[in-house]
Amino acid sequence: MLTMSYSTLLLSLSSLLSLLSLSLYIYIYMYIIIFISIFIFISIFMFIFILIFIFIFIFVFMFIFIFIFIFIFIFIFIFIFIFIFIFMFIFMFIFIFISIFTFTFVYLFVYLFICLILLIYLFNLLN
């Protein structure tokens, strides 16, 4: 009867550990999918906004300095767009990296703590 309760305890703790590791992977993939979708949405929105602004600028100021200002503003917006893309990539990967490693270590410590409790119970069982 005593060994049956310990085997039930071991089985429940092992299932808990497998659920913890599965939830860790689900959490990591959820973060990656959320940040990639946010990045895609923001990039599409920025691209549409820049196109609308460029077309408004072209139609409003078509007769005033058409050759000078259109090229200047197109190059300015291209550089701003590239800078924002680079900044978003850097921020996205840093945040994903920090969150994945933070929660990985939290899960690892929970896992090791449960393993320590299991070892203490097993040593108590042997004594």
C-alpha atoms as a PDB file:
ATOM      1  CA  MET A   1       0.000   0.000   0.000  1.00  0.00           C
ATOM      2  CA  LEU A   2       2.852   2.334   0.825  1.00  0.00           C
ATOM      3  CA  THR A   3       4.649   1.648  -2.456  1.00  0.00           C
ATOM      4  CA  MET A   4       1.420   2.170  -4.352  1.00  0.00           C
ATOM      5  CA  SER A   5       0.964   5.621  -2.895  1.00  0.00           C
ATOM      6  CA  TYR A   6       4.575   6.505  -3.717  1.00  0.00           C
ATOM      7  CA  SER A   7       4.171   5.249  -7.265  1.00  0.00           C
ATOM      8  CA  THR A   8       1.001   7.311  -7.573  1.00  0.00           C
ATOM      9  CA  LEU A   9       2.905  10.306  -6.238  1.00  0.00           C
ATOM     10  CA  LEU A  10       5.733   9.712  -8.695  1.00  0.00           C
ATOM     11  CA  LEU A  11       3.312   9.326 -11.561  1.00  0.00           C
ATOM     12  CA  SER A  12       1.462  12.512 -10.686  1.00  0.00           C
ATOM     13  CA  LEU A  13       4.701  14.458 -10.259  1.00  0.00           C
ATOM     14  CA  SER A  14       6.071  13.211 -13.575  1.00  0.00           C
ATOM     15  CA  SER A  15       2.847  14.194 -15.329  1.00  0.00           C
ATOM     16  CA  LEU A  16       3.082  17.604 -13.666  1.00  0.00           C
ATOM     17  CA  LEU A  17       6.654  17.990 -14.927  1.00  0.00           C
ATOM     18  CA  SER A  18       5.659  17.032 -18.458  1.00  0.00           C
ATOM     19  CA  LEU A  19       2.802  19.532 -18.345  1.00  0.00           C
ATOM     20  CA  LEU A  20       5.221  22.228 -17.176  1.00  0.00           C
ATOM     21  CA  SER A  21       7.620  21.553 -20.040  1.00  0.00           C
ATOM     22  CA  LEU A  22       4.755  21.436 -22.559  1.00  0.00           C
ATOM     23  CA  SER A  23       3.352  24.718 -21.302  1.00  0.00           C
ATOM     24  CA  LEU A  24       6.827  26.258 -21.563  1.00  0.00           C
ATOM     25  CA  TYR A  25       7.037  25.375 -25.263  1.00  0.00           C
ATOM     26  CA  ILE A  26       3.508  26.616 -25.869  1.00  0.00           C
ATOM     27  CA  TYR A  27       4.385  29.878 -24.106  1.00  0.00           C
ATOM     28  CA  ILE A  28       7.539  30.364 -26.177  1.00  0.00           C
ATOM     29  CA  TYR A  29       5.767  29.710 -29.478  1.00  0.00           C
ATOM     30  CA  MET A  30       2.887  31.966 -28.430  1.00  0.00           C
ATOM     31  CA  TYR A  31       5.316  34.825 -27.789  1.00  0.00           C
ATOM     32  CA  ILE A  32       7.038  34.304 -31.121  1.00  0.00           C
ATOM     33  CA  ILE A  33       3.748  34.193 -33.043  1.00  0.00           C
ATOM     34  CA  ILE A  34       2.387  37.273 -31.254  1.00  0.00           C
ATOM     35  CA  PHE A  35       5.496  39.358 -31.930  1.00  0.00           C
ATOM     36  CA  ILE A  36       5.758  38.295 -35.549  1.00  0.00           C
ATOM     37  CA  SER A  37       2.094  39.122 -36.132  1.00  0.00           C
ATOM     38  CA  ILE A  38       2.480  42.508 -34.392  1.00  0.00           C
ATOM     39  CA  PHE A  39       5.541  43.238 -36.484  1.00  0.00           C
ATOM     40  CA  ILE A  40       3.735  42.295 -39.715  1.00  0.00           C
ATOM     41  CA  PHE A  41       0.704  44.390 -38.785  1.00  0.00           C
ATOM     42  CA  ILE A  42       2.797  47.455 -37.890  1.00  0.00           C
ATOM     43  CA  SER A  43       4.921  47.152 -41.013  1.00  0.00           C
ATOM     44  CA  ILE A  44       1.858  46.878 -43.272  1.00  0.00           C
ATOM     45  CA  PHE A  45       0.217  49.820 -41.509  1.00  0.00           C
ATOM     46  CA  MET A  46       3.365  51.934 -41.800  1.00  0.00           C
ATOM     47  CA  PHE A  47       3.775  51.053 -45.463  1.00  0.00           C
ATOM     48  CA  ILE A  48       0.159  52.046 -46.223  1.00  0.00           C
ATOM     49  CA  PHE A  49       0.515  55.234 -44.194  1.00  0.00           C
ATOM     50  CA  ILE A  50       3.691  56.216 -46.018  1.00  0.00           C
ATOM     51  CA  LEU A  51       2.128  55.505 -49.396  1.00  0.00           C
ATOM     52  CA  ILE A  52      -0.952  57.564 -48.521  1.00  0.00           C
ATOM     53  CA  PHE A  53       1.207  60.405 -47.277  1.00  0.00           C
ATOM     54  CA  ILE A  54       3.363  60.323 -50.399  1.00  0.00           C
ATOM     55  CA  PHE A  55       0.312  60.337 -52.674  1.00  0.00           C
ATOM     56  CA  ILE A  56      -1.273  63.206 -50.730  1.00  0.00           C
ATOM     57  CA  PHE A  57       1.959  65.095 -50.927  1.00  0.00           C
ATOM     58  CA  ILE A  58       2.218  64.468 -54.686  1.00  0.00           C
ATOM     59  CA  PHE A  59      -1.353  65.549 -55.403  1.00  0.00           C
ATOM     60  CA  VAL A  60      -1.315  68.612 -53.148  1.00  0.00           C
ATOM     61  CA  PHE A  61       2.072  69.968 -54.166  1.00  0.00           C
ATOM     62  CA  MET A  62       2.177  68.713 -57.713  1.00  0.00           C
ATOM     63  CA  PHE A  63       2.630  72.162 -59.183  1.00  0.00           C
ATOM     64  CA  ILE A  64       5.067  73.484 -56.566  1.00  0.00           C
ATOM     65  CA  PHE A  65       8.672  72.270 -56.677  1.00  0.00           C
ATOM     66  CA  ILE A  66       7.684  68.921 -58.075  1.00  0.00           C
ATOM     67  CA  PHE A  67      11.143  67.637 -58.956  1.00  0.00           C
ATOM     68  CA  ILE A  68      12.924  68.766 -55.803  1.00  0.00           C
ATOM     69  CA  PHE A  69      10.583  68.011 -52.925  1.00  0.00           C
ATOM     70  CA  ILE A  70       9.168  64.707 -54.108  1.00  0.00           C
ATOM     71  CA  PHE A  71      12.600  63.106 -54.295  1.00  0.00           C
ATOM     72  CA  ILE A  72      13.690  64.620 -50.975  1.00  0.00           C
ATOM     73  CA  PHE A  73      10.597  63.403 -49.133  1.00  0.00           C
ATOM     74  CA  ILE A  74      10.670  59.974 -50.755  1.00  0.00           C
ATOM     75  CA  PHE A  75      14.267  59.476 -49.619  1.00  0.00           C
ATOM     76  CA  ILE A  76      13.492  60.825 -46.149  1.00  0.00           C
ATOM     77  CA  PHE A  77      10.562  58.434 -45.752  1.00  0.00           C
ATOM     78  CA  ILE A  78      12.569  55.521 -47.063  1.00  0.00           C
ATOM     79  CA  PHE A  79      15.296  56.185 -44.480  1.00  0.00           C
ATOM     80  CA  ILE A  80      12.753  56.643 -41.678  1.00  0.00           C
ATOM     81  CA  PHE A  81      11.031  53.445 -42.742  1.00  0.00           C
ATOM     82  CA  ILE A  82      14.309  51.491 -42.758  1.00  0.00           C
ATOM     83  CA  PHE A  83      15.304  52.920 -39.365  1.00  0.00           C
ATOM     84  CA  ILE A  84      11.954  51.989 -37.803  1.00  0.00           C
ATOM     85  CA  PHE A  85      12.194  48.483 -39.273  1.00  0.00           C
ATOM     86  CA  ILE A  86      15.674  48.001 -37.831  1.00  0.00           C
ATOM     87  CA  PHE A  87      14.579  49.338 -34.439  1.00  0.00           C
ATOM     88  CA  MET A  88      11.502  47.091 -34.404  1.00  0.00           C
ATOM     89  CA  PHE A  89      13.566  44.020 -35.278  1.00  0.00           C
ATOM     90  CA  ILE A  90      16.091  44.767 -32.543  1.00  0.00           C
ATOM     91  CA  PHE A  91      13.391  45.447 -29.951  1.00  0.00           C
ATOM     92  CA  MET A  92      11.390  42.371 -30.938  1.00  0.00           C
ATOM     93  CA  PHE A  93      14.326  39.977 -30.729  1.00  0.00           C
ATOM     94  CA  ILE A  94      15.628  41.437 -27.469  1.00  0.00           C
ATOM     95  CA  PHE A  95      12.204  41.171 -25.850  1.00  0.00           C
ATOM     96  CA  ILE A  96      11.643  37.617 -27.113  1.00  0.00           C
ATOM     97  CA  PHE A  97      15.139  36.621 -25.942  1.00  0.00           C
ATOM     98  CA  ILE A  98      14.634  38.098 -22.457  1.00  0.00           C
ATOM     99  CA  SER A  99      11.154  36.626 -22.008  1.00  0.00           C
ATOM    100  CA  ILE A 100      12.114  33.154 -23.253  1.00  0.00           C
ATOM    101  CA  PHE A 101      15.174  32.912 -21.011  1.00  0.00           C
ATOM    102  CA  THR A 102      13.385  34.365 -17.992  1.00  0.00           C
ATOM    103  CA  PHE A 103      10.543  31.909 -18.171  1.00  0.00           C
ATOM    104  CA  THR A 104      12.867  29.058 -19.103  1.00  0.00           C
ATOM    105  CA  PHE A 105      14.838  29.600 -15.899  1.00  0.00           C
ATOM    106  CA  VAL A 106      11.637  29.896 -13.851  1.00  0.00           C
ATOM    107  CA  TYR A 107      10.383  26.593 -15.236  1.00  0.00           C
ATOM    108  CA  LEU A 108      13.798  25.033 -14.743  1.00  0.00           C
ATOM    109  CA  PHE A 109      13.860  26.047 -11.082  1.00  0.00           C
ATOM    110  CA  VAL A 110      10.326  24.693 -10.565  1.00  0.00           C
ATOM    111  CA  TYR A 111      11.383  21.462 -12.258  1.00  0.00           C
ATOM    112  CA  LEU A 112      14.509  21.169 -10.115  1.00  0.00           C
ATOM    113  CA  PHE A 113      12.544  21.945  -6.961  1.00  0.00           C
ATOM    114  CA  ILE A 114      10.055  19.179  -7.730  1.00  0.00           C
ATOM    115  CA  CYS A 115      12.938  16.800  -8.456  1.00  0.00           C
ATOM    116  CA  LEU A 116      14.499  17.760  -5.117  1.00  0.00           C
ATOM    117  CA  ILE A 117      11.239  17.033  -3.307  1.00  0.00           C
ATOM    118  CA  LEU A 118      11.059  13.670  -5.092  1.00  0.00           C
ATOM    119  CA  LEU A 119      14.606  12.825  -4.015  1.00  0.00           C
ATOM    120  CA  ILE A 120      13.875  13.790  -0.415  1.00  0.00           C
ATOM    121  CA  TYR A 121      10.802  11.562  -0.403  1.00  0.00           C
ATOM    122  CA  LEU A 122      12.725   8.691  -1.951  1.00  0.00           C
ATOM    123  CA  PHE A 123      15.547   9.006   0.581  1.00  0.00           C
ATOM    124  CA  ASN A 124      12.987   9.105   3.391  1.00  0.00           C
ATOM    125  CA  LEU A 125      11.400   6.010   1.937  1.00  0.00           C
ATOM    126  CA  LEU A 126      14.745   4.207   1.919  1.00  0.00           C
ATOM    127  CA  ASN A 127      15.491   5.185   5.513  1.00  0.00           C
END
